[in-house]
Amino acid sequence: MKSIPAVLLVDTGVDDAFAIALAARSPQIDLLGLVASFGNSKLENTLQNTLWLTQLLGVQVPVCKGSAHAFCEPDWVPEEGVVNCHGDRGLGPVVAPDTLAAAPAGEDAVAFLAGILERSEEPVALIPVGPLTDVARFVVARPDLLPKIRVISLMGGAGRGGNVTPFVEANISSDPEAAATVFGCGAPIVMCGLDCTRDCVVTAAMIEELRAESEGELAQVLCDSGAFYLSIDELLHDPLAVACLIDEGVLRTEEHYVDICLTPGEHRGQTVVDWEDRLGRPANVQVGVAADPQRFWQLVSAAVKGTL
């Protein structure tokens, strides 16, 4: 199988870290770049976490500084006092060093993505596992490059039951306008939302077994941060958006029309799935409805151990 050129867009918290390891170490993914934005923590933290992880992985992949706030909310700041499964700086009890050898690319995220797609001989997969802000900015600024997008394989959304409100998932909630822009852009979309990531259960025992079977600082960082995160949320969401590109058998999807609710209130940010196709509108999303937890964990654990 020829490797898939890809860019991973992250808000590097704990499950993003596992997604980065999977994308960087899989021979089926040709990781061309990373974009770090606000989301699980402030931009300064998610960017530093991303740079550190590439250093621990020993990969020469450019990291771009993405958006610090939502599409239409320039004054966004994280809520104070909220229990966050990613901890204060994104990686639970693990803190990235203040000084790193790696530095972010000097380009704006739109120019960074445009350059990668323009240089690539093949269409590029965009894999956003945080807010969709930078993908939205890109598709608005460079609609001419939409044909160079192989797929947008995203972690976000929920057709049936959210985790921020009863209806809304966290990544889409962080920037509903961006999500509406992306879902309406016309590029192929795979939605790895809560409907399928709820199958990606990882227990404390699985993390400790992984720790015992792994060596090196990267594995230690991932297991330490993973143990903290999984004590609050036993679902490892983000790596599924990468895993489904590596192994199509990991994810079962259905084609449906999906819209984003922008109305103020508890439904704002809801990914409204027309499950029975009653609207008669063309399907715009491959909606993930189930994941294979064994195949998923086999890929993720092998990435941590470096045995992919």
C-alpha atoms as a PDB file:
ATOM      1  CA  MET A   1       0.000   0.000   0.000  1.00  0.00           C
ATOM      2  CA  LYS A   2       1.347   3.415  -0.981  1.00  0.00           C
ATOM      3  CA  SER A   3       1.603   5.845   1.920  1.00  0.00           C
ATOM      4  CA  ILE A   4      -1.010   8.589   2.209  1.00  0.00           C
ATOM      5  CA  PRO A   5       0.350  12.160   2.303  1.00  0.00           C
ATOM      6  CA  ALA A   6      -1.252  13.855   5.280  1.00  0.00           C
ATOM      7  CA  VAL A   7      -1.287  16.892   7.562  1.00  0.00           C
ATOM      8  CA  LEU A   8      -2.403  16.431  11.162  1.00  0.00           C
ATOM      9  CA  LEU A   9      -4.127  19.403  12.807  1.00  0.00           C
ATOM     10  CA  VAL A  10      -4.037  19.124  16.590  1.00  0.00           C
ATOM     11  CA  ASP A  11      -4.794  20.918  19.854  1.00  0.00           C
ATOM     12  CA  THR A  12      -2.276  18.755  21.586  1.00  0.00           C
ATOM     13  CA  GLY A  13      -3.718  17.251  24.668  1.00  0.00           C
ATOM     14  CA  VAL A  14      -3.390  13.619  25.639  1.00  0.00           C
ATOM     15  CA  ASP A  15      -5.319  11.819  22.916  1.00  0.00           C
ATOM     16  CA  ASP A  16      -3.787  14.135  20.304  1.00  0.00           C
ATOM     17  CA  ALA A  17      -0.367  12.939  21.500  1.00  0.00           C
ATOM     18  CA  PHE A  18      -1.297   9.342  20.737  1.00  0.00           C
ATOM     19  CA  ALA A  19      -2.632  10.456  17.331  1.00  0.00           C
ATOM     20  CA  ILE A  20       0.669  12.197  16.556  1.00  0.00           C
ATOM     21  CA  ALA A  21       2.639   9.062  17.445  1.00  0.00           C
ATOM     22  CA  LEU A  22       0.385   6.934  15.237  1.00  0.00           C
ATOM     23  CA  ALA A  23       0.616   9.293  12.252  1.00  0.00           C
ATOM     24  CA  ALA A  24       4.371   9.758  12.598  1.00  0.00           C
ATOM     25  CA  ARG A  25       5.207   6.067  12.996  1.00  0.00           C
ATOM     26  CA  SER A  26       2.798   4.440  10.557  1.00  0.00           C
ATOM     27  CA  PRO A  27       4.381   3.456   7.229  1.00  0.00           C
ATOM     28  CA  GLN A  28       0.951   4.004   5.657  1.00  0.00           C
ATOM     29  CA  ILE A  29       1.024   7.728   6.502  1.00  0.00           C
ATOM     30  CA  ASP A  30       3.463  10.217   4.971  1.00  0.00           C
ATOM     31  CA  LEU A  31       3.205  12.964   7.573  1.00  0.00           C
ATOM     32  CA  LEU A  32       3.983  16.233   5.794  1.00  0.00           C
ATOM     33  CA  GLY A  33       3.201  18.649   8.591  1.00  0.00           C
ATOM     34  CA  LEU A  34       1.444  19.446  11.850  1.00  0.00           C
ATOM     35  CA  VAL A  35      -0.673  22.456  12.769  1.00  0.00           C
ATOM     36  CA  ALA A  36      -1.259  23.191  16.468  1.00  0.00           C
ATOM     37  CA  SER A  37      -4.164  25.372  17.595  1.00  0.00           C
ATOM     38  CA  PHE A  38      -6.120  26.338  20.694  1.00  0.00           C
ATOM     39  CA  GLY A  39      -8.542  23.752  22.099  1.00  0.00           C
ATOM     40  CA  ASN A  40      -7.571  21.365  24.874  1.00  0.00           C
ATOM     41  CA  SER A  41      -5.340  24.128  26.229  1.00  0.00           C
ATOM     42  CA  LYS A  42      -4.079  27.558  25.183  1.00  0.00           C
ATOM     43  CA  LEU A  43      -2.157  27.771  21.900  1.00  0.00           C
ATOM     44  CA  GLU A  44       1.166  28.378  23.633  1.00  0.00           C
ATOM     45  CA  ASN A  45       0.781  25.037  25.442  1.00  0.00           C
ATOM     46  CA  THR A  46      -0.523  22.962  22.539  1.00  0.00           C
ATOM     47  CA  LEU A  47       2.231  24.279  20.257  1.00  0.00           C
ATOM     48  CA  GLN A  48       4.954  23.488  22.788  1.00  0.00           C
ATOM     49  CA  ASN A  49       3.499  20.017  23.373  1.00  0.00           C
ATOM     50  CA  THR A  50       3.451  19.341  19.630  1.00  0.00           C
ATOM     51  CA  LEU A  51       7.023  20.479  19.098  1.00  0.00           C
ATOM     52  CA  TRP A  52       8.196  18.365  22.037  1.00  0.00           C
ATOM     53  CA  LEU A  53       6.462  15.247  20.767  1.00  0.00           C
ATOM     54  CA  THR A  54       8.073  15.547  17.332  1.00  0.00           C
ATOM     55  CA  GLN A  55      11.410  15.868  19.103  1.00  0.00           C
ATOM     56  CA  LEU A  56      10.734  12.748  21.195  1.00  0.00           C
ATOM     57  CA  LEU A  57       9.638  10.878  18.069  1.00  0.00           C
ATOM     58  CA  GLY A  58      12.802  11.932  16.277  1.00  0.00           C
ATOM     59  CA  VAL A  59      10.916  13.017  13.154  1.00  0.00           C
ATOM     60  CA  GLN A  60      11.690  15.987  10.942  1.00  0.00           C
ATOM     61  CA  VAL A  61       8.119  17.177  10.415  1.00  0.00           C
ATOM     62  CA  PRO A  62       7.394  20.925  10.270  1.00  0.00           C
ATOM     63  CA  VAL A  63       5.054  22.251  12.952  1.00  0.00           C
ATOM     64  CA  CYS A  64       2.970  25.341  12.246  1.00  0.00           C
ATOM     65  CA  LYS A  65       1.445  27.719  14.783  1.00  0.00           C
ATOM     66  CA  GLY A  66      -2.296  27.678  14.164  1.00  0.00           C
ATOM     67  CA  SER A  67      -5.210  29.682  15.510  1.00  0.00           C
ATOM     68  CA  ALA A  68      -5.349  30.982  19.071  1.00  0.00           C
ATOM     69  CA  HIS A  69      -9.113  31.482  19.006  1.00  0.00           C
ATOM     70  CA  ALA A  70     -12.257  30.487  17.167  1.00  0.00           C
ATOM     71  CA  PHE A  71     -13.253  31.707  13.700  1.00  0.00           C
ATOM     72  CA  CYS A  72     -15.676  34.339  15.017  1.00  0.00           C
ATOM     73  CA  GLU A  73     -14.458  34.725  18.608  1.00  0.00           C
ATOM     74  CA  PRO A  74     -11.191  36.716  18.725  1.00  0.00           C
ATOM     75  CA  ASP A  75     -11.481  37.188  22.492  1.00  0.00           C
ATOM     76  CA  TRP A  76     -11.726  33.460  23.300  1.00  0.00           C
ATOM     77  CA  VAL A  77     -10.062  32.329  26.527  1.00  0.00           C
ATOM     78  CA  PRO A  78     -10.242  28.907  28.219  1.00  0.00           C
ATOM     79  CA  GLU A  79     -12.736  28.624  31.049  1.00  0.00           C
ATOM     80  CA  GLU A  80     -11.150  28.713  34.482  1.00  0.00           C
ATOM     81  CA  GLY A  81     -11.823  26.068  37.099  1.00  0.00           C
ATOM     82  CA  VAL A  82     -13.120  23.459  34.657  1.00  0.00           C
ATOM     83  CA  VAL A  83     -12.051  19.841  35.310  1.00  0.00           C
ATOM     84  CA  ASN A  84     -10.060  19.024  32.187  1.00  0.00           C
ATOM     85  CA  CYS A  85      -8.958  15.485  31.404  1.00  0.00           C
ATOM     86  CA  HIS A  86      -5.935  17.013  29.659  1.00  0.00           C
ATOM     87  CA  GLY A  87      -4.720  18.925  32.715  1.00  0.00           C
ATOM     88  CA  ASP A  88      -3.640  22.561  32.853  1.00  0.00           C
ATOM     89  CA  ARG A  89      -1.093  22.409  30.018  1.00  0.00           C
ATOM     90  CA  GLY A  90      -2.480  19.607  27.898  1.00  0.00           C
ATOM     91  CA  LEU A  91      -0.533  16.487  28.844  1.00  0.00           C
ATOM     92  CA  GLY A  92      -1.879  15.855  32.328  1.00  0.00           C
ATOM     93  CA  PRO A  93       0.944  15.686  34.875  1.00  0.00           C
ATOM     94  CA  VAL A  94       3.596  15.787  32.127  1.00  0.00           C
ATOM     95  CA  VAL A  95       4.965  19.231  31.234  1.00  0.00           C
ATOM     96  CA  ALA A  96       6.908  19.963  28.066  1.00  0.00           C
ATOM     97  CA  PRO A  97      10.299  21.668  28.578  1.00  0.00           C
ATOM     98  CA  ASP A  98      10.293  25.442  28.200  1.00  0.00           C
ATOM     99  CA  THR A  99      13.231  25.283  25.781  1.00  0.00           C
ATOM    100  CA  LEU A 100      13.260  22.953  22.793  1.00  0.00           C
ATOM    101  CA  ALA A 101      15.580  22.409  19.853  1.00  0.00           C
ATOM    102  CA  ALA A 102      12.643  22.532  17.427  1.00  0.00           C
ATOM    103  CA  ALA A 103      10.901  25.758  16.444  1.00  0.00           C
ATOM    104  CA  PRO A 104       7.593  26.320  14.645  1.00  0.00           C
ATOM    105  CA  ALA A 105       7.448  27.116  10.955  1.00  0.00           C
ATOM    106  CA  GLY A 106       7.278  30.830  10.274  1.00  0.00           C
ATOM    107  CA  GLU A 107       4.220  30.698   7.998  1.00  0.00           C
ATOM    108  CA  ASP A 108       0.596  31.379   8.797  1.00  0.00           C
ATOM    109  CA  ALA A 109      -1.472  28.170   8.892  1.00  0.00           C
ATOM    110  CA  VAL A 110      -3.261  28.964   5.622  1.00  0.00           C
ATOM    111  CA  ALA A 111       0.001  29.557   3.759  1.00  0.00           C
ATOM    112  CA  PHE A 112       1.523  26.492   5.427  1.00  0.00           C
ATOM    113  CA  LEU A 113      -1.317  24.210   4.288  1.00  0.00           C
ATOM    114  CA  ALA A 114      -1.418  25.777   0.826  1.00  0.00           C
ATOM    115  CA  GLY A 115       2.289  25.203   0.351  1.00  0.00           C
ATOM    116  CA  ILE A 116       2.031  21.548   1.319  1.00  0.00           C
ATOM    117  CA  LEU A 117      -0.897  20.887  -1.008  1.00  0.00           C
ATOM    118  CA  GLU A 118       0.692  22.797  -3.890  1.00  0.00           C
ATOM    119  CA  ARG A 119       3.947  20.873  -3.585  1.00  0.00           C
ATOM    120  CA  SER A 120       2.360  17.457  -3.218  1.00  0.00           C
ATOM    121  CA  GLU A 121       2.030  15.387  -6.381  1.00  0.00           C
ATOM    122  CA  GLU A 122      -0.980  13.615  -4.863  1.00  0.00           C
ATOM    123  CA  PRO A 123      -4.047  14.841  -2.970  1.00  0.00           C
ATOM    124  CA  VAL A 124      -3.356  15.279   0.735  1.00  0.00           C
ATOM    125  CA  ALA A 125      -5.429  13.999   3.656  1.00  0.00           C
ATOM    126  CA  LEU A 126      -6.201  16.626   6.291  1.00  0.00           C
ATOM    127  CA  ILE A 127      -6.672  15.065   9.724  1.00  0.00           C
ATOM    128  CA  PRO A 128      -8.073  17.634  12.181  1.00  0.00           C
ATOM    129  CA  VAL A 129      -8.525  16.278  15.698  1.00  0.00           C
ATOM    130  CA  GLY A 130      -9.270  19.574  17.420  1.00  0.00           C
ATOM    131  CA  PRO A 131     -11.333  22.656  16.532  1.00  0.00           C
ATOM    132  CA  LEU A 132     -11.804  23.028  12.768  1.00  0.00           C
ATOM    133  CA  THR A 133     -10.687  26.663  12.754  1.00  0.00           C
ATOM    134  CA  ASP A 134      -7.593  26.355  10.575  1.00  0.00           C
ATOM    135  CA  VAL A 135      -9.234  24.011   8.081  1.00  0.00           C
ATOM    136  CA  ALA A 136     -12.098  26.506   7.762  1.00  0.00           C
ATOM    137  CA  ARG A 137      -9.705  29.404   7.246  1.00  0.00           C
ATOM    138  CA  PHE A 138      -7.907  27.394   4.588  1.00  0.00           C
ATOM    139  CA  VAL A 139     -10.951  26.322   2.563  1.00  0.00           C
ATOM    140  CA  VAL A 140     -12.290  29.898   2.599  1.00  0.00           C
ATOM    141  CA  ALA A 141      -8.966  31.435   1.548  1.00  0.00           C
ATOM    142  CA  ARG A 142      -7.962  28.783  -1.020  1.00  0.00           C
ATOM    143  CA  PRO A 143     -11.022  27.148  -2.586  1.00  0.00           C
ATOM    144  CA  ASP A 144      -8.865  26.525  -5.664  1.00  0.00           C
ATOM    145  CA  LEU A 145      -7.005  23.863  -3.671  1.00  0.00           C
ATOM    146  CA  LEU A 146     -10.096  21.869  -2.642  1.00  0.00           C
ATOM    147  CA  PRO A 147      -9.371  19.283  -5.386  1.00  0.00           C
ATOM    148  CA  LYS A 148      -5.987  18.653  -3.703  1.00  0.00           C
ATOM    149  CA  ILE A 149      -7.711  17.490  -0.498  1.00  0.00           C
ATOM    150  CA  ARG A 150      -7.915  13.691  -0.543  1.00  0.00           C
ATOM    151  CA  VAL A 151     -10.175  13.584   2.509  1.00  0.00           C
ATOM    152  CA  ILE A 152     -10.835  15.493   5.724  1.00  0.00           C
ATOM    153  CA  SER A 153     -10.731  12.748   8.336  1.00  0.00           C
ATOM    154  CA  LEU A 154     -11.808  14.522  11.489  1.00  0.00           C
ATOM    155  CA  MET A 155     -12.413  13.681  15.111  1.00  0.00           C
ATOM    156  CA  GLY A 156     -15.461  15.612  16.144  1.00  0.00           C
ATOM    157  CA  GLY A 157     -19.214  15.652  16.259  1.00  0.00           C
ATOM    158  CA  ALA A 158     -21.884  13.350  17.591  1.00  0.00           C
ATOM    159  CA  GLY A 159     -24.978  12.129  15.839  1.00  0.00           C
ATOM    160  CA  ARG A 160     -26.462  10.747  19.027  1.00  0.00           C
ATOM    161  CA  GLY A 161     -25.418  12.381  22.294  1.00  0.00           C
ATOM    162  CA  GLY A 162     -22.658  14.879  23.054  1.00  0.00           C
ATOM    163  CA  ASN A 163     -20.061  15.339  25.788  1.00  0.00           C
ATOM    164  CA  VAL A 164     -20.313  19.126  26.315  1.00  0.00           C
ATOM    165  CA  THR A 165     -24.107  19.253  26.327  1.00  0.00           C
ATOM    166  CA  PRO A 166     -26.460  16.317  25.711  1.00  0.00           C
ATOM    167  CA  PHE A 167     -26.212  17.193  22.004  1.00  0.00           C
ATOM    168  CA  VAL A 168     -22.781  18.690  21.314  1.00  0.00           C
ATOM    169  CA  GLU A 169     -19.234  17.295  21.123  1.00  0.00           C
ATOM    170  CA  ALA A 170     -16.247  19.299  22.398  1.00  0.00           C
ATOM    171  CA  ASN A 171     -14.233  19.915  19.205  1.00  0.00           C
ATOM    172  CA  ILE A 172     -17.228  21.174  17.252  1.00  0.00           C
ATOM    173  CA  SER A 173     -18.387  23.173  20.272  1.00  0.00           C
ATOM    174  CA  SER A 174     -15.048  25.003  20.297  1.00  0.00           C
ATOM    175  CA  ASP A 175     -15.774  26.561  16.895  1.00  0.00           C
ATOM    176  CA  PRO A 176     -19.225  25.844  15.415  1.00  0.00           C
ATOM    177  CA  GLU A 177     -18.867  28.409  12.602  1.00  0.00           C
ATOM    178  CA  ALA A 178     -15.646  26.772  11.463  1.00  0.00           C
ATOM    179  CA  ALA A 179     -17.329  23.364  11.513  1.00  0.00           C
ATOM    180  CA  ALA A 180     -20.238  24.678   9.427  1.00  0.00           C
ATOM    181  CA  THR A 181     -17.755  26.082   6.915  1.00  0.00           C
ATOM    182  CA  VAL A 182     -15.830  22.826   6.629  1.00  0.00           C
ATOM    183  CA  PHE A 183     -18.888  20.571   6.436  1.00  0.00           C
ATOM    184  CA  GLY A 184     -20.209  22.719   3.611  1.00  0.00           C
ATOM    185  CA  CYS A 185     -16.981  23.055   1.619  1.00  0.00           C
ATOM    186  CA  GLY A 186     -17.529  20.088  -0.702  1.00  0.00           C
ATOM    187  CA  ALA A 187     -14.379  18.130   0.171  1.00  0.00           C
ATOM    188  CA  PRO A 188     -14.788  14.443   1.143  1.00  0.00           C
ATOM    189  CA  ILE A 189     -15.305  14.175   4.922  1.00  0.00           C
ATOM    190  CA  VAL A 190     -15.058  11.248   7.316  1.00  0.00           C
ATOM    191  CA  MET A 191     -16.528  12.107  10.736  1.00  0.00           C
ATOM    192  CA  CYS A 192     -15.035  10.116  13.583  1.00  0.00           C
ATOM    193  CA  GLY A 193     -17.432  11.419  16.189  1.00  0.00           C
ATOM    194  CA  LEU A 194     -18.596  10.121  19.538  1.00  0.00           C
ATOM    195  CA  ASP A 195     -20.853   7.581  17.805  1.00  0.00           C
ATOM    196  CA  CYS A 196     -17.730   5.568  16.967  1.00  0.00           C
ATOM    197  CA  THR A 197     -15.063   6.825  19.397  1.00  0.00           C
ATOM    198  CA  ARG A 198     -17.247   5.491  22.221  1.00  0.00           C
ATOM    199  CA  ASP A 199     -16.006   2.082  21.056  1.00  0.00           C
ATOM    200  CA  CYS A 200     -12.368   3.118  21.638  1.00  0.00           C
ATOM    201  CA  VAL A 201     -12.224   2.225  25.318  1.00  0.00           C
ATOM    202  CA  VAL A 202      -8.752   2.151  26.862  1.00  0.00           C
ATOM    203  CA  THR A 203      -8.477   1.128  30.496  1.00  0.00           C
ATOM    204  CA  ALA A 204      -5.844   1.846  33.106  1.00  0.00           C
ATOM    205  CA  ALA A 205      -4.813  -1.811  32.924  1.00  0.00           C
ATOM    206  CA  MET A 206      -4.228  -1.516  29.174  1.00  0.00           C
ATOM    207  CA  ILE A 207      -2.011   1.530  29.717  1.00  0.00           C
ATOM    208  CA  GLU A 208       0.033  -0.232  32.404  1.00  0.00           C
ATOM    209  CA  GLU A 209       0.472  -3.275  30.159  1.00  0.00           C
ATOM    210  CA  LEU A 210       1.603  -0.950  27.377  1.00  0.00           C
ATOM    211  CA  ARG A 211       4.052   0.737  29.747  1.00  0.00           C
ATOM    212  CA  ALA A 212       5.564  -2.633  30.675  1.00  0.00           C
ATOM    213  CA  GLU A 213       6.013  -3.543  27.008  1.00  0.00           C
ATOM    214  CA  SER A 214       7.483  -0.189  25.907  1.00  0.00           C
ATOM    215  CA  GLU A 215      10.817   1.569  26.163  1.00  0.00           C
ATOM    216  CA  GLY A 216      11.994   5.145  25.795  1.00  0.00           C
ATOM    217  CA  GLU A 217      10.962   8.616  26.904  1.00  0.00           C
ATOM    218  CA  LEU A 218       8.125   8.966  24.403  1.00  0.00           C
ATOM    219  CA  ALA A 219       6.370   5.852  25.704  1.00  0.00           C
ATOM    220  CA  GLN A 220       6.863   7.057  29.273  1.00  0.00           C
ATOM    221  CA  VAL A 221       5.325  10.447  28.442  1.00  0.00           C
ATOM    222  CA  LEU A 222       2.358   8.877  26.641  1.00  0.00           C
ATOM    223  CA  CYS A 223       1.687   6.351  29.392  1.00  0.00           C
ATOM    224  CA  ASP A 224       1.994   8.931  32.187  1.00  0.00           C
ATOM    225  CA  SER A 225      -0.301  11.389  30.448  1.00  0.00           C
ATOM    226  CA  GLY A 226      -2.603   8.575  29.313  1.00  0.00           C
ATOM    227  CA  ALA A 227      -3.026   7.234  32.844  1.00  0.00           C
ATOM    228  CA  PHE A 228      -4.105  10.697  34.043  1.00  0.00           C
ATOM    229  CA  TYR A 229      -6.507  11.250  31.147  1.00  0.00           C
ATOM    230  CA  LEU A 230      -8.067   7.799  31.331  1.00  0.00           C
ATOM    231  CA  SER A 231      -8.825   8.242  35.018  1.00  0.00           C
ATOM    232  CA  ILE A 232     -11.387  10.834  33.838  1.00  0.00           C
ATOM    233  CA  ASP A 233     -12.322   9.637  30.336  1.00  0.00           C
ATOM    234  CA  GLU A 234     -11.668   6.041  29.235  1.00  0.00           C
ATOM    235  CA  LEU A 235     -12.176   6.901  25.562  1.00  0.00           C
ATOM    236  CA  LEU A 236      -9.128   7.638  23.403  1.00  0.00           C
ATOM    237  CA  HIS A 237     -10.874   9.682  20.711  1.00  0.00           C
ATOM    238  CA  ASP A 238      -8.375  11.390  18.415  1.00  0.00           C
ATOM    239  CA  PRO A 239      -6.257   8.489  17.102  1.00  0.00           C
ATOM    240  CA  LEU A 240      -9.318   7.000  15.392  1.00  0.00           C
ATOM    241  CA  ALA A 241      -9.213   9.728  12.714  1.00  0.00           C
ATOM    242  CA  VAL A 242      -5.703   8.524  11.841  1.00  0.00           C
ATOM    243  CA  ALA A 243      -6.317   4.810  12.342  1.00  0.00           C
ATOM    244  CA  CYS A 244      -9.214   4.685   9.871  1.00  0.00           C
ATOM    245  CA  LEU A 245      -6.884   5.869   7.097  1.00  0.00           C
ATOM    246  CA  ILE A 246      -4.318   3.195   7.939  1.00  0.00           C
ATOM    247  CA  ASP A 247      -6.813   0.331   8.240  1.00  0.00           C
ATOM    248  CA  GLU A 248     -10.233   0.769   6.639  1.00  0.00           C
ATOM    249  CA  GLY A 249     -11.537  -2.121   8.752  1.00  0.00           C
ATOM    250  CA  VAL A 250     -11.180  -0.038  11.923  1.00  0.00           C
ATOM    251  CA  LEU A 251     -14.204   2.105  11.122  1.00  0.00           C
ATOM    252  CA  ARG A 252     -17.720   1.464   9.804  1.00  0.00           C
ATOM    253  CA  THR A 253     -19.400   4.465   8.205  1.00  0.00           C
ATOM    254  CA  GLU A 254     -22.699   5.506   6.671  1.00  0.00           C
ATOM    255  CA  GLU A 255     -23.197   8.300   4.120  1.00  0.00           C
ATOM    256  CA  HIS A 256     -25.510  11.058   5.332  1.00  0.00           C
ATOM    257  CA  TYR A 257     -26.185  14.754   5.083  1.00  0.00           C
ATOM    258  CA  VAL A 258     -24.830  16.564   8.152  1.00  0.00           C
ATOM    259  CA  ASP A 259     -25.394  20.193   9.135  1.00  0.00           C
ATOM    260  CA  ILE A 260     -24.113  22.238  12.074  1.00  0.00           C
ATOM    261  CA  CYS A 261     -26.513  24.015  14.415  1.00  0.00           C
ATOM    262  CA  LEU A 262     -25.454  27.643  14.957  1.00  0.00           C
ATOM    263  CA  THR A 263     -28.482  28.692  17.016  1.00  0.00           C
ATOM    264  CA  PRO A 264     -27.580  29.960  20.514  1.00  0.00           C
ATOM    265  CA  GLY A 265     -28.315  27.534  23.323  1.00  0.00           C
ATOM    266  CA  GLU A 266     -27.548  23.956  24.259  1.00  0.00           C
ATOM    267  CA  HIS A 267     -27.805  22.753  20.638  1.00  0.00           C
ATOM    268  CA  ARG A 268     -25.216  25.218  19.316  1.00  0.00           C
ATOM    269  CA  GLY A 269     -22.468  23.178  17.673  1.00  0.00           C
ATOM    270  CA  GLN A 270     -24.591  20.046  17.253  1.00  0.00           C
ATOM    271  CA  THR A 271     -23.754  17.921  14.221  1.00  0.00           C
ATOM    272  CA  VAL A 272     -27.276  17.280  12.974  1.00  0.00           C
ATOM    273  CA  VAL A 273     -27.233  13.997  11.040  1.00  0.00           C
ATOM    274  CA  ASP A 274     -30.109  13.257   8.671  1.00  0.00           C
ATOM    275  CA  TRP A 275     -30.058   9.566   9.613  1.00  0.00           C
ATOM    276  CA  GLU A 276     -33.123   8.663   7.544  1.00  0.00           C
ATOM    277  CA  ASP A 277     -32.279  11.010   4.635  1.00  0.00           C
ATOM    278  CA  ARG A 278     -35.616  12.760   5.000  1.00  0.00           C
ATOM    279  CA  LEU A 279     -34.341  16.087   3.708  1.00  0.00           C
ATOM    280  CA  GLY A 280     -33.440  14.615   0.338  1.00  0.00           C
ATOM    281  CA  ARG A 281     -30.117  16.487   0.342  1.00  0.00           C
ATOM    282  CA  PRO A 282     -26.958  14.874  -1.062  1.00  0.00           C
ATOM    283  CA  ALA A 283     -24.809  13.165   1.562  1.00  0.00           C
ATOM    284  CA  ASN A 284     -21.787  15.294   2.463  1.00  0.00           C
ATOM    285  CA  VAL A 285     -20.216  13.156   5.205  1.00  0.00           C
ATOM    286  CA  GLN A 286     -19.156   9.585   5.808  1.00  0.00           C
ATOM    287  CA  VAL A 287     -20.429   9.345   9.389  1.00  0.00           C
ATOM    288  CA  GLY A 288     -18.564   6.897  11.607  1.00  0.00           C
ATOM    289  CA  VAL A 289     -21.070   4.670  13.382  1.00  0.00           C
ATOM    290  CA  ALA A 290     -18.857   1.969  14.908  1.00  0.00           C
ATOM    291  CA  ALA A 291     -15.173   1.209  15.488  1.00  0.00           C
ATOM    292  CA  ASP A 292     -13.326  -2.062  15.977  1.00  0.00           C
ATOM    293  CA  PRO A 293     -11.687  -1.602  19.395  1.00  0.00           C
ATOM    294  CA  GLN A 294      -9.195  -4.466  18.970  1.00  0.00           C
ATOM    295  CA  ARG A 295      -7.881  -3.274  15.609  1.00  0.00           C
ATOM    296  CA  PHE A 296      -7.794   0.297  16.923  1.00  0.00           C
ATOM    297  CA  TRP A 297      -5.764  -0.536  20.016  1.00  0.00           C
ATOM    298  CA  GLN A 298      -3.456  -2.828  18.053  1.00  0.00           C
ATOM    299  CA  LEU A 299      -2.443   0.134  15.877  1.00  0.00           C
ATOM    300  CA  VAL A 300      -2.185   2.662  18.713  1.00  0.00           C
ATOM    301  CA  SER A 301      -0.209   0.419  21.063  1.00  0.00           C
ATOM    302  CA  ALA A 302       2.163  -0.606  18.263  1.00  0.00           C
ATOM    303  CA  ALA A 303       2.797   3.084  17.527  1.00  0.00           C
ATOM    304  CA  VAL A 304       3.718   3.732  21.154  1.00  0.00           C
ATOM    305  CA  LYS A 305       6.020   0.710  21.217  1.00  0.00           C
ATOM    306  CA  GLY A 306       7.544   1.618  17.854  1.00  0.00           C
ATOM    307  CA  THR A 307       6.629  -1.721  16.271  1.00  0.00           C
ATOM    308  CA  LEU A 308       4.294  -0.585  13.471  1.00  0.00           C
END
